[in-house]
PDB file of all heavy atoms in Angstrom:
ATOM      1  N   GLY A   1       2.564  11.691  -7.369  1.00  0.00           N
ATOM      2  CA  GLY A   1       3.559  11.520  -8.420  1.00  0.00           C
ATOM      3  C   GLY A   1       3.306  12.447  -9.590  1.00  0.00           C
ATOM      4  O   GLY A   1       2.250  13.084  -9.698  1.00  0.00           O
ATOM      5  N   ALA A   2       4.295  12.526 -10.456  1.00  0.00           N
ATOM      6  CA  ALA A   2       4.198  13.351 -11.663  1.00  0.00           C
ATOM      7  C   ALA A   2       4.688  12.540 -12.856  1.00  0.00           C
ATOM      8  O   ALA A   2       5.611  11.730 -12.730  1.00  0.00           O
ATOM      9  CB  ALA A   2       5.028  14.625 -11.515  1.00  0.00           C
ATOM     10  N   ASN A   3       4.046  12.763 -14.003  1.00  0.00           N
ATOM     11  CA  ASN A   3       4.397  12.051 -15.225  1.00  0.00           C
ATOM     12  C   ASN A   3       4.666  13.067 -16.332  1.00  0.00           C
ATOM     13  O   ASN A   3       3.903  14.025 -16.514  1.00  0.00           O
ATOM     14  CB  ASN A   3       3.254  11.122 -15.635  1.00  0.00           C
ATOM     15  CG  ASN A   3       3.604  10.290 -16.849  1.00  0.00           C
ATOM     16  OD1 ASN A   3       4.365   9.339 -16.753  1.00  0.00           O
ATOM     17  ND2 ASN A   3       3.037  10.640 -18.004  1.00  0.00           N
ATOM     18  N   PHE A   4       5.767  12.875 -17.067  1.00  0.00           N
ATOM     19  CA  PHE A   4       6.108  13.780 -18.162  1.00  0.00           C
ATOM     20  C   PHE A   4       6.378  12.961 -19.414  1.00  0.00           C
ATOM     21  O   PHE A   4       7.252  12.093 -19.433  1.00  0.00           O
ATOM     22  CB  PHE A   4       7.342  14.616 -17.805  1.00  0.00           C
ATOM     23  CG  PHE A   4       7.711  15.621 -18.853  1.00  0.00           C
ATOM     24  CD1 PHE A   4       7.006  16.811 -18.985  1.00  0.00           C
ATOM     25  CD2 PHE A   4       8.752  15.368 -19.724  1.00  0.00           C
ATOM     26  CE1 PHE A   4       7.338  17.724 -19.966  1.00  0.00           C
ATOM     27  CE2 PHE A   4       9.099  16.279 -20.715  1.00  0.00           C
ATOM     28  CZ  PHE A   4       8.383  17.465 -20.825  1.00  0.00           C
ATOM     29  N   MET A   5       5.590  13.213 -20.475  1.00  0.00           N
ATOM     30  CA  MET A   5       5.730  12.474 -21.727  1.00  0.00           C
ATOM     31  C   MET A   5       6.830  13.074 -22.589  1.00  0.00           C
ATOM     32  O   MET A   5       6.798  14.254 -22.924  1.00  0.00           O
ATOM     33  CB  MET A   5       4.409  12.467 -22.489  1.00  0.00           C
ATOM     34  CG  MET A   5       3.308  11.646 -21.843  1.00  0.00           C
ATOM     35  SD  MET A   5       1.842  11.525 -22.899  1.00  0.00           S
ATOM     36  CE  MET A   5       2.515  10.637 -24.322  1.00  0.00           C
ATOM     37  N   ILE A   6       7.787  12.252 -22.950  1.00  0.00           N
ATOM     38  CA  ILE A   6       8.839  12.669 -23.871  1.00  0.00           C
ATOM     39  C   ILE A   6       8.406  12.417 -25.309  1.00  0.00           C
ATOM     40  O   ILE A   6       8.679  13.209 -26.211  1.00  0.00           O
ATOM     41  CB  ILE A   6      10.150  11.921 -23.556  1.00  0.00           C
ATOM     42  CG1 ILE A   6      10.617  12.263 -22.146  1.00  0.00           C
ATOM     43  CG2 ILE A   6      11.234  12.263 -24.570  1.00  0.00           C
ATOM     44  CD1 ILE A   6      11.855  11.519 -21.705  1.00  0.00           C
ATOM     45  N   SER A   7       7.725  11.281 -25.522  1.00  0.00           N
ATOM     46  CA  SER A   7       7.182  10.930 -26.832  1.00  0.00           C
ATOM     47  C   SER A   7       5.968  10.038 -26.611  1.00  0.00           C
ATOM     48  O   SER A   7       5.564   9.792 -25.471  1.00  0.00           O
ATOM     49  CB  SER A   7       8.244  10.204 -27.671  1.00  0.00           C
ATOM     50  OG  SER A   7       8.536   8.937 -27.115  1.00  0.00           O
ATOM     51  N   ASP A   8       5.374   9.538 -27.684  1.00  0.00           N
ATOM     52  CA  ASP A   8       4.222   8.648 -27.550  1.00  0.00           C
ATOM     53  C   ASP A   8       4.584   7.331 -26.876  1.00  0.00           C
ATOM     54  O   ASP A   8       3.707   6.636 -26.351  1.00  0.00           O
ATOM     55  CB  ASP A   8       3.626   8.355 -28.934  1.00  0.00           C
ATOM     56  CG  ASP A   8       2.962   9.574 -29.539  1.00  0.00           C
ATOM     57  OD1 ASP A   8       2.614  10.493 -28.769  1.00  0.00           O
ATOM     58  OD2 ASP A   8       2.796   9.606 -30.783  1.00  0.00           O
ATOM     59  N   GLN A   9       5.857   6.990 -26.902  1.00  0.00           N
ATOM     60  CA  GLN A   9       6.284   5.720 -26.339  1.00  0.00           C
ATOM     61  C   GLN A   9       7.028   5.830 -25.019  1.00  0.00           C
ATOM     62  O   GLN A   9       7.066   4.864 -24.249  1.00  0.00           O
ATOM     63  CB  GLN A   9       7.175   4.971 -27.342  1.00  0.00           C
ATOM     64  CG  GLN A   9       6.444   4.445 -28.569  1.00  0.00           C
ATOM     65  CD  GLN A   9       7.362   3.640 -29.457  1.00  0.00           C
ATOM     66  OE1 GLN A   9       8.484   4.049 -29.736  1.00  0.00           O
ATOM     67  NE2 GLN A   9       6.892   2.485 -29.897  1.00  0.00           N
ATOM     68  N   VAL A  10       7.603   6.985 -24.744  1.00  0.00           N
ATOM     69  CA  VAL A  10       8.474   7.135 -23.571  1.00  0.00           C
ATOM     70  C   VAL A  10       7.966   8.240 -22.648  1.00  0.00           C
ATOM     71  O   VAL A  10       7.629   9.337 -23.103  1.00  0.00           O
ATOM     72  CB  VAL A  10       9.921   7.435 -23.988  1.00  0.00           C
ATOM     73  CG1 VAL A  10      10.819   7.577 -22.757  1.00  0.00           C
ATOM     74  CG2 VAL A  10      10.450   6.333 -24.905  1.00  0.00           C
ATOM     75  N   SER A  11       7.910   7.922 -21.355  1.00  0.00           N
ATOM     76  CA  SER A  11       7.560   8.893 -20.322  1.00  0.00           C
ATOM     77  C   SER A  11       8.517   8.741 -19.154  1.00  0.00           C
ATOM     78  O   SER A  11       9.046   7.651 -18.900  1.00  0.00           O
ATOM     79  CB  SER A  11       6.126   8.683 -19.823  1.00  0.00           C
ATOM     80  OG  SER A  11       5.185   8.845 -20.851  1.00  0.00           O
ATOM     81  N   ILE A  12       8.740   9.823 -18.440  1.00  0.00           N
ATOM     82  CA  ILE A  12       9.494   9.759 -17.199  1.00  0.00           C
ATOM     83  C   ILE A  12       8.540  10.110 -16.053  1.00  0.00           C
ATOM     84  O   ILE A  12       7.589  10.865 -16.230  1.00  0.00           O
ATOM     85  CB  ILE A  12      10.719  10.690 -17.204  1.00  0.00           C
ATOM     86  CG1 ILE A  12      10.298  12.140 -17.444  1.00  0.00           C
ATOM     87  CG2 ILE A  12      11.719  10.251 -18.247  1.00  0.00           C
ATOM     88  CD1 ILE A  12      11.461  13.130 -17.341  1.00  0.00           C
ATOM     89  N   PHE A  13       8.810   9.537 -14.893  1.00  0.00           N
ATOM     90  CA  PHE A  13       7.917   9.777 -13.754  1.00  0.00           C
ATOM     91  C   PHE A  13       8.724   9.920 -12.476  1.00  0.00           C
ATOM     92  O   PHE A  13       9.872   9.469 -12.380  1.00  0.00           O
ATOM     93  CB  PHE A  13       6.911   8.637 -13.617  1.00  0.00           C
ATOM     94  CG  PHE A  13       7.511   7.296 -13.284  1.00  0.00           C
ATOM     95  CD1 PHE A  13       7.733   6.917 -11.951  1.00  0.00           C
ATOM     96  CD2 PHE A  13       7.881   6.412 -14.292  1.00  0.00           C
ATOM     97  CE1 PHE A  13       8.295   5.686 -11.648  1.00  0.00           C
ATOM     98  CE2 PHE A  13       8.440   5.170 -13.987  1.00  0.00           C
ATOM     99  CZ  PHE A  13       8.654   4.815 -12.660  1.00  0.00           C
ATOM    100  N   GLY A  14       8.104  10.563 -11.503  1.00  0.00           N
ATOM    101  CA  GLY A  14       8.691  10.695 -10.178  1.00  0.00           C
ATOM    102  C   GLY A  14       7.597  10.535  -9.137  1.00  0.00           C
ATOM    103  O   GLY A  14       6.470  10.999  -9.334  1.00  0.00           O
ATOM    104  N   GLU A  15       7.908   9.866  -8.037  1.00  0.00           N
ATOM    105  CA  GLU A  15       6.909   9.600  -6.999  1.00  0.00           C
ATOM    106  C   GLU A  15       7.496   9.786  -5.611  1.00  0.00           C
ATOM    107  O   GLU A  15       8.666   9.502  -5.373  1.00  0.00           O
ATOM    108  CB  GLU A  15       6.368   8.169  -7.106  1.00  0.00           C
ATOM    109  CG  GLU A  15       5.534   7.897  -8.330  1.00  0.00           C
ATOM    110  CD  GLU A  15       5.078   6.446  -8.414  1.00  0.00           C
ATOM    111  OE1 GLU A  15       5.442   5.644  -7.522  1.00  0.00           O
ATOM    112  OE2 GLU A  15       4.366   6.117  -9.373  1.00  0.00           O
ATOM    113  N   GLY A  16       6.656  10.270  -4.702  1.00  0.00           N
ATOM    114  CA  GLY A  16       6.949  10.269  -3.284  1.00  0.00           C
ATOM    115  C   GLY A  16       5.824   9.503  -2.604  1.00  0.00           C
ATOM    116  O   GLY A  16       4.649   9.757  -2.865  1.00  0.00           O
ATOM    117  N   ARG A  17       6.180   8.555  -1.749  1.00  0.00           N
ATOM    118  CA  ARG A  17       5.143   7.708  -1.170  1.00  0.00           C
ATOM    119  C   ARG A  17       5.493   7.296   0.250  1.00  0.00           C
ATOM    120  O   ARG A  17       6.631   7.371   0.676  1.00  0.00           O
ATOM    121  CB  ARG A  17       4.912   6.460  -2.011  1.00  0.00           C
ATOM    122  CG  ARG A  17       6.102   5.512  -2.088  1.00  0.00           C
ATOM    123  CD  ARG A  17       5.702   4.190  -2.714  1.00  0.00           C
ATOM    124  NE  ARG A  17       5.213   4.342  -4.072  1.00  0.00           N
ATOM    125  CZ  ARG A  17       4.362   3.502  -4.662  1.00  0.00           C
ATOM    126  NH1 ARG A  17       3.895   2.468  -3.993  1.00  0.00           N
ATOM    127  NH2 ARG A  17       3.987   3.683  -5.903  1.00  0.00           N
ATOM    128  N   ILE A  18       4.445   6.902   0.966  1.00  0.00           N
ATOM    129  CA  ILE A  18       4.610   6.346   2.298  1.00  0.00           C
ATOM    130  C   ILE A  18       3.980   4.955   2.321  1.00  0.00           C
ATOM    131  O   ILE A  18       3.094   4.647   1.517  1.00  0.00           O
ATOM    132  CB  ILE A  18       3.972   7.228   3.388  1.00  0.00           C
ATOM    133  CG1 ILE A  18       2.462   7.402   3.128  1.00  0.00           C
ATOM    134  CG2 ILE A  18       4.672   8.568   3.467  1.00  0.00           C
ATOM    135  CD1 ILE A  18       1.734   8.140   4.236  1.00  0.00           C
ATOM    136  N   GLY A  19       4.450   4.114   3.239  1.00  0.00           N
ATOM    137  CA  GLY A  19       3.902   2.780   3.418  1.00  0.00           C
ATOM    138  C   GLY A  19       3.425   2.618   4.851  1.00  0.00           C
ATOM    139  O   GLY A  19       4.225   2.678   5.790  1.00  0.00           O
ATOM    140  N   LEU A  20       2.120   2.457   5.028  1.00  0.00           N
ATOM    141  CA  LEU A  20       1.546   2.330   6.362  1.00  0.00           C
ATOM    142  C   LEU A  20       1.285   0.862   6.669  1.00  0.00           C
ATOM    143  O   LEU A  20       0.585   0.189   5.900  1.00  0.00           O
ATOM    144  CB  LEU A  20       0.227   3.111   6.450  1.00  0.00           C
ATOM    145  CG  LEU A  20       0.307   4.620   6.149  1.00  0.00           C
ATOM    146  CD1 LEU A  20      -1.091   5.212   6.076  1.00  0.00           C
ATOM    147  CD2 LEU A  20       1.114   5.316   7.233  1.00  0.00           C
ATOM    148  N   PRO A  21       1.804   0.337   7.768  1.00  0.00           N
ATOM    149  CA  PRO A  21       1.541  -1.071   8.115  1.00  0.00           C
ATOM    150  C   PRO A  21       0.046  -1.304   8.316  1.00  0.00           C
ATOM    151  O   PRO A  21      -0.621  -0.530   9.003  1.00  0.00           O
ATOM    152  CB  PRO A  21       2.316  -1.270   9.419  1.00  0.00           C
ATOM    153  CG  PRO A  21       3.331  -0.168   9.446  1.00  0.00           C
ATOM    154  CD  PRO A  21       2.709   0.986   8.728  1.00  0.00           C
ATOM    155  N   ALA A  22      -0.480  -2.346   7.684  1.00  0.00           N
ATOM    156  CA  ALA A  22      -1.886  -2.706   7.861  1.00  0.00           C
ATOM    157  C   ALA A  22      -1.997  -3.531   9.139  1.00  0.00           C
ATOM    158  O   ALA A  22      -1.704  -4.731   9.147  1.00  0.00           O
ATOM    159  CB  ALA A  22      -2.390  -3.495   6.656  1.00  0.00           C
ATOM    160  N   ASN A  23      -2.421  -2.874  10.238  1.00  0.00           N
ATOM    161  CA  ASN A  23      -2.422  -3.523  11.549  1.00  0.00           C
ATOM    162  C   ASN A  23      -3.793  -4.008  11.992  1.00  0.00           C
ATOM    163  O   ASN A  23      -3.966  -4.407  13.144  1.00  0.00           O
ATOM    164  CB  ASN A  23      -1.884  -2.565  12.610  1.00  0.00           C
ATOM    165  CG  ASN A  23      -0.400  -2.308  12.436  1.00  0.00           C
ATOM    166  OD1 ASN A  23       0.346  -3.219  12.122  1.00  0.00           O
ATOM    167  ND2 ASN A  23       0.020  -1.077  12.610  1.00  0.00           N
ATOM    168  N   LYS A  24      -4.789  -3.959  11.103  1.00  0.00           N
ATOM    169  CA  LYS A  24      -6.117  -4.440  11.469  1.00  0.00           C
ATOM    170  C   LYS A  24      -6.633  -5.413  10.420  1.00  0.00           C
ATOM    171  O   LYS A  24      -6.455  -5.211   9.227  1.00  0.00           O
ATOM    172  CB  LYS A  24      -7.105  -3.282  11.633  1.00  0.00           C
ATOM    173  CG  LYS A  24      -7.012  -2.594  12.978  1.00  0.00           C
ATOM    174  CD  LYS A  24      -8.196  -1.689  13.222  1.00  0.00           C
ATOM    175  CE  LYS A  24      -8.168  -1.113  14.627  1.00  0.00           C
ATOM    176  NZ  LYS A  24      -9.350  -0.264  14.897  1.00  0.00           N
ATOM    177  N   GLN A  25      -7.295  -6.455  10.886  1.00  0.00           N
ATOM    178  CA  GLN A  25      -7.899  -7.442   9.999  1.00  0.00           C
ATOM    179  C   GLN A  25      -9.198  -7.910  10.636  1.00  0.00           C
ATOM    180  O   GLN A  25      -9.205  -8.449  11.742  1.00  0.00           O
ATOM    181  CB  GLN A  25      -6.956  -8.631   9.786  1.00  0.00           C
ATOM    182  CG  GLN A  25      -7.504  -9.683   8.841  1.00  0.00           C
ATOM    183  CD  GLN A  25      -6.492 -10.783   8.591  1.00  0.00           C
ATOM    184  OE1 GLN A  25      -5.307 -10.617   8.796  1.00  0.00           O
ATOM    185  NE2 GLN A  25      -6.971 -11.917   8.143  1.00  0.00           N
ATOM    186  N   ASP A  26     -10.321  -7.680   9.939  1.00  0.00           N
ATOM    187  CA  ASP A  26     -11.648  -8.012  10.473  1.00  0.00           C
ATOM    188  C   ASP A  26     -11.863  -7.352  11.834  1.00  0.00           C
ATOM    189  O   ASP A  26     -12.345  -7.969  12.794  1.00  0.00           O
ATOM    190  CB  ASP A  26     -11.826  -9.532  10.597  1.00  0.00           C
ATOM    191  CG  ASP A  26     -11.757 -10.222   9.235  1.00  0.00           C
ATOM    192  OD1 ASP A  26     -12.132  -9.585   8.243  1.00  0.00           O
ATOM    193  OD2 ASP A  26     -11.327 -11.379   9.189  1.00  0.00           O
ATOM    194  N   ASP A  27     -11.470  -6.051  11.926  1.00  0.00           N
ATOM    195  CA  ASP A  27     -11.619  -5.255  13.157  1.00  0.00           C
ATOM    196  C   ASP A  27     -10.785  -5.782  14.322  1.00  0.00           C
ATOM    197  O   ASP A  27     -10.985  -5.390  15.470  1.00  0.00           O
ATOM    198  CB  ASP A  27     -13.089  -5.174  13.582  1.00  0.00           C
ATOM    199  CG  ASP A  27     -13.928  -4.407  12.574  1.00  0.00           C
ATOM    200  OD1 ASP A  27     -13.380  -3.495  11.944  1.00  0.00           O
ATOM    201  OD2 ASP A  27     -15.119  -4.733  12.422  1.00  0.00           O
ATOM    202  N   GLN A  28      -9.854  -6.688  14.053  1.00  0.00           N
ATOM    203  CA  GLN A  28      -8.983  -7.218  15.092  1.00  0.00           C
ATOM    204  C   GLN A  28      -7.570  -6.663  14.901  1.00  0.00           C
ATOM    205  O   GLN A  28      -7.052  -6.646  13.789  1.00  0.00           O
ATOM    206  CB  GLN A  28      -8.943  -8.756  15.045  1.00  0.00           C
ATOM    207  CG  GLN A  28     -10.282  -9.421  15.287  1.00  0.00           C
ATOM    208  CD  GLN A  28     -10.789  -9.200  16.696  1.00  0.00           C
ATOM    209  OE1 GLN A  28     -10.019  -9.219  17.652  1.00  0.00           O
ATOM    210  NE2 GLN A  28     -12.096  -8.997  16.834  1.00  0.00           N
ATOM    211  N   LEU A  29      -6.982  -6.185  15.995  1.00  0.00           N
ATOM    212  CA  LEU A  29      -5.626  -5.642  15.934  1.00  0.00           C
ATOM    213  C   LEU A  29      -4.629  -6.786  15.800  1.00  0.00           C
ATOM    214  O   LEU A  29      -4.662  -7.740  16.555  1.00  0.00           O
ATOM    215  CB  LEU A  29      -5.324  -4.833  17.196  1.00  0.00           C
ATOM    216  CG  LEU A  29      -3.997  -4.066  17.204  1.00  0.00           C
ATOM    217  CD1 LEU A  29      -4.008  -2.990  16.132  1.00  0.00           C
ATOM    218  CD2 LEU A  29      -3.759  -3.442  18.578  1.00  0.00           C
ATOM    219  N   ILE A  30      -3.759  -6.682  14.792  1.00  0.00           N
ATOM    220  CA  ILE A  30      -2.744  -7.701  14.578  1.00  0.00           C
ATOM    221  C   ILE A  30      -1.372  -7.035  14.603  1.00  0.00           C
ATOM    222  O   ILE A  30      -1.238  -5.839  14.344  1.00  0.00           O
ATOM    223  CB  ILE A  30      -2.942  -8.451  13.240  1.00  0.00           C
ATOM    224  CG1 ILE A  30      -2.892  -7.452  12.059  1.00  0.00           C
ATOM    225  CG2 ILE A  30      -4.237  -9.222  13.226  1.00  0.00           C
ATOM    226  CD1 ILE A  30      -2.954  -8.114  10.712  1.00  0.00           C
ATOM    227  N   VAL A  31      -0.362  -7.807  14.916  1.00  0.00           N
ATOM    228  CA  VAL A  31       0.999  -7.283  14.967  1.00  0.00           C
ATOM    229  C   VAL A  31       1.620  -7.398  13.580  1.00  0.00           C
ATOM    230  O   VAL A  31       1.688  -8.482  13.003  1.00  0.00           O
ATOM    231  CB  VAL A  31       1.843  -8.050  15.993  1.00  0.00           C
ATOM    232  CG1 VAL A  31       3.275  -7.536  15.979  1.00  0.00           C
ATOM    233  CG2 VAL A  31       1.246  -7.904  17.386  1.00  0.00           C
ATOM    234  N   ASN A  32       2.034  -6.260  13.039  1.00  0.00           N
ATOM    235  CA  ASN A  32       2.676  -6.237  11.724  1.00  0.00           C
ATOM    236  C   ASN A  32       4.161  -5.942  11.929  1.00  0.00           C
ATOM    237  O   ASN A  32       4.514  -4.866  12.408  1.00  0.00           O
ATOM    238  CB  ASN A  32       2.033  -5.159  10.838  1.00  0.00           C
ATOM    239  CG  ASN A  32       2.453  -5.267   9.390  1.00  0.00           C
ATOM    240  OD1 ASN A  32       3.532  -5.743   9.079  1.00  0.00           O
ATOM    241  ND2 ASN A  32       1.596  -4.826   8.490  1.00  0.00           N
ATOM    242  N   PRO A  33       5.038  -6.882  11.581  1.00  0.00           N
ATOM    243  CA  PRO A  33       6.471  -6.675  11.835  1.00  0.00           C
ATOM    244  C   PRO A  33       7.122  -5.670  10.883  1.00  0.00           C
ATOM    245  O   PRO A  33       8.263  -5.265  11.097  1.00  0.00           O
ATOM    246  CB  PRO A  33       7.058  -8.072  11.629  1.00  0.00           C
ATOM    247  CG  PRO A  33       6.138  -8.718  10.639  1.00  0.00           C
ATOM    248  CD  PRO A  33       4.769  -8.197  10.971  1.00  0.00           C
ATOM    249  N   ILE A  34       6.412  -5.275   9.823  1.00  0.00           N
ATOM    250  CA  ILE A  34       6.976  -4.327   8.858  1.00  0.00           C
ATOM    251  C   ILE A  34       6.683  -2.908   9.336  1.00  0.00           C
ATOM    252  O   ILE A  34       5.528  -2.534   9.512  1.00  0.00           O
ATOM    253  CB  ILE A  34       6.372  -4.546   7.462  1.00  0.00           C
ATOM    254  CG1 ILE A  34       6.495  -6.020   7.046  1.00  0.00           C
ATOM    255  CG2 ILE A  34       7.080  -3.646   6.445  1.00  0.00           C
ATOM    256  CD1 ILE A  34       7.901  -6.554   7.017  1.00  0.00           C
ATOM    257  N   PRO A  35       7.712  -2.083   9.554  1.00  0.00           N
ATOM    258  CA  PRO A  35       7.485  -0.730  10.078  1.00  0.00           C
ATOM    259  C   PRO A  35       7.056   0.258   9.001  1.00  0.00           C
ATOM    260  O   PRO A  35       7.078  -0.036   7.796  1.00  0.00           O
ATOM    261  CB  PRO A  35       8.854  -0.352  10.646  1.00  0.00           C
ATOM    262  CG  PRO A  35       9.819  -1.111   9.791  1.00  0.00           C
ATOM    263  CD  PRO A  35       9.140  -2.403   9.433  1.00  0.00           C
ATOM    264  N   PHE A  36       6.662   1.443   9.452  1.00  0.00           N
ATOM    265  CA  PHE A  36       6.323   2.555   8.564  1.00  0.00           C
ATOM    266  C   PHE A  36       7.512   2.891   7.664  1.00  0.00           C
ATOM    267  O   PHE A  36       8.663   2.871   8.107  1.00  0.00           O
ATOM    268  CB  PHE A  36       5.939   3.764   9.415  1.00  0.00           C
ATOM    269  CG  PHE A  36       5.781   5.045   8.645  1.00  0.00           C
ATOM    270  CD1 PHE A  36       4.591   5.339   8.006  1.00  0.00           C
ATOM    271  CD2 PHE A  36       6.830   5.946   8.563  1.00  0.00           C
ATOM    272  CE1 PHE A  36       4.450   6.531   7.296  1.00  0.00           C
ATOM    273  CE2 PHE A  36       6.701   7.134   7.871  1.00  0.00           C
ATOM    274  CZ  PHE A  36       5.503   7.428   7.234  1.00  0.00           C
ATOM    275  N   SER A  37       7.227   3.194   6.400  1.00  0.00           N
ATOM    276  CA  SER A  37       8.306   3.508   5.460  1.00  0.00           C
ATOM    277  C   SER A  37       7.934   4.731   4.619  1.00  0.00           C
ATOM    278  O   SER A  37       6.762   5.110   4.511  1.00  0.00           O
ATOM    279  CB  SER A  37       8.588   2.317   4.538  1.00  0.00           C
ATOM    280  OG  SER A  37       7.458   2.036   3.726  1.00  0.00           O
ATOM    281  N   TYR A  38       8.952   5.329   4.013  1.00  0.00           N
ATOM    282  CA  TYR A  38       8.750   6.476   3.126  1.00  0.00           C
ATOM    283  C   TYR A  38       9.883   6.495   2.108  1.00  0.00           C
ATOM    284  O   TYR A  38      10.997   6.037   2.399  1.00  0.00           O
ATOM    285  CB  TYR A  38       8.699   7.792   3.913  1.00  0.00           C
ATOM    286  CG  TYR A  38       9.895   8.022   4.804  1.00  0.00           C
ATOM    287  CD1 TYR A  38      11.005   8.765   4.356  1.00  0.00           C
ATOM    288  CD2 TYR A  38       9.940   7.491   6.080  1.00  0.00           C
ATOM    289  CE1 TYR A  38      12.098   8.962   5.171  1.00  0.00           C
ATOM    290  CE2 TYR A  38      11.041   7.684   6.903  1.00  0.00           C
ATOM    291  CZ  TYR A  38      12.112   8.420   6.455  1.00  0.00           C
ATOM    292  OH  TYR A  38      13.214   8.621   7.254  1.00  0.00           O
ATOM    293  N   GLY A  39       9.583   7.010   0.913  1.00  0.00           N
ATOM    294  CA  GLY A  39      10.622   6.991  -0.105  1.00  0.00           C
ATOM    295  C   GLY A  39      10.337   7.877  -1.299  1.00  0.00           C
ATOM    296  O   GLY A  39       9.212   8.377  -1.478  1.00  0.00           O
ATOM    297  N   LEU A  40      11.346   8.058  -2.107  1.00  0.00           N
ATOM    298  CA  LEU A  40      11.272   8.812  -3.356  1.00  0.00           C
ATOM    299  C   LEU A  40      11.751   7.915  -4.490  1.00  0.00           C
ATOM    300  O   LEU A  40      12.666   7.108  -4.315  1.00  0.00           O
ATOM    301  CB  LEU A  40      12.138  10.073  -3.286  1.00  0.00           C
ATOM    302  CG  LEU A  40      11.751  11.125  -2.249  1.00  0.00           C
ATOM    303  CD1 LEU A  40      12.815  12.217  -2.179  1.00  0.00           C
ATOM    304  CD2 LEU A  40      10.387  11.738  -2.592  1.00  0.00           C
ATOM    305  N   LEU A  41      11.124   8.080  -5.648  1.00  0.00           N
ATOM    306  CA  LEU A  41      11.445   7.221  -6.789  1.00  0.00           C
ATOM    307  C   LEU A  41      11.334   8.015  -8.079  1.00  0.00           C
ATOM    308  O   LEU A  41      10.435   8.836  -8.241  1.00  0.00           O
ATOM    309  CB  LEU A  41      10.473   6.041  -6.826  1.00  0.00           C
ATOM    310  CG  LEU A  41      10.647   5.020  -7.957  1.00  0.00           C
ATOM    311  CD1 LEU A  41      11.878   4.164  -7.699  1.00  0.00           C
ATOM    312  CD2 LEU A  41       9.410   4.125  -8.050  1.00  0.00           C
ATOM    313  N   ALA A  42      12.255   7.782  -9.007  1.00  0.00           N
ATOM    314  CA  ALA A  42      12.204   8.371 -10.342  1.00  0.00           C
ATOM    315  C   ALA A  42      12.482   7.270 -11.350  1.00  0.00           C
ATOM    316  O   ALA A  42      13.302   6.386 -11.105  1.00  0.00           O
ATOM    317  CB  ALA A  42      13.221   9.500 -10.491  1.00  0.00           C
TER     318      ALA A  42
END
């Protein structure tokens, strides 16, 4: 992401991110119904 300060009180930001399903718990494979995701945000 990137952050740009307009003033001491106001900033604008932009982000690109991915979401990876957490499919392991205590070294055990679990089924995660939420799929891989990706997105942009401002």
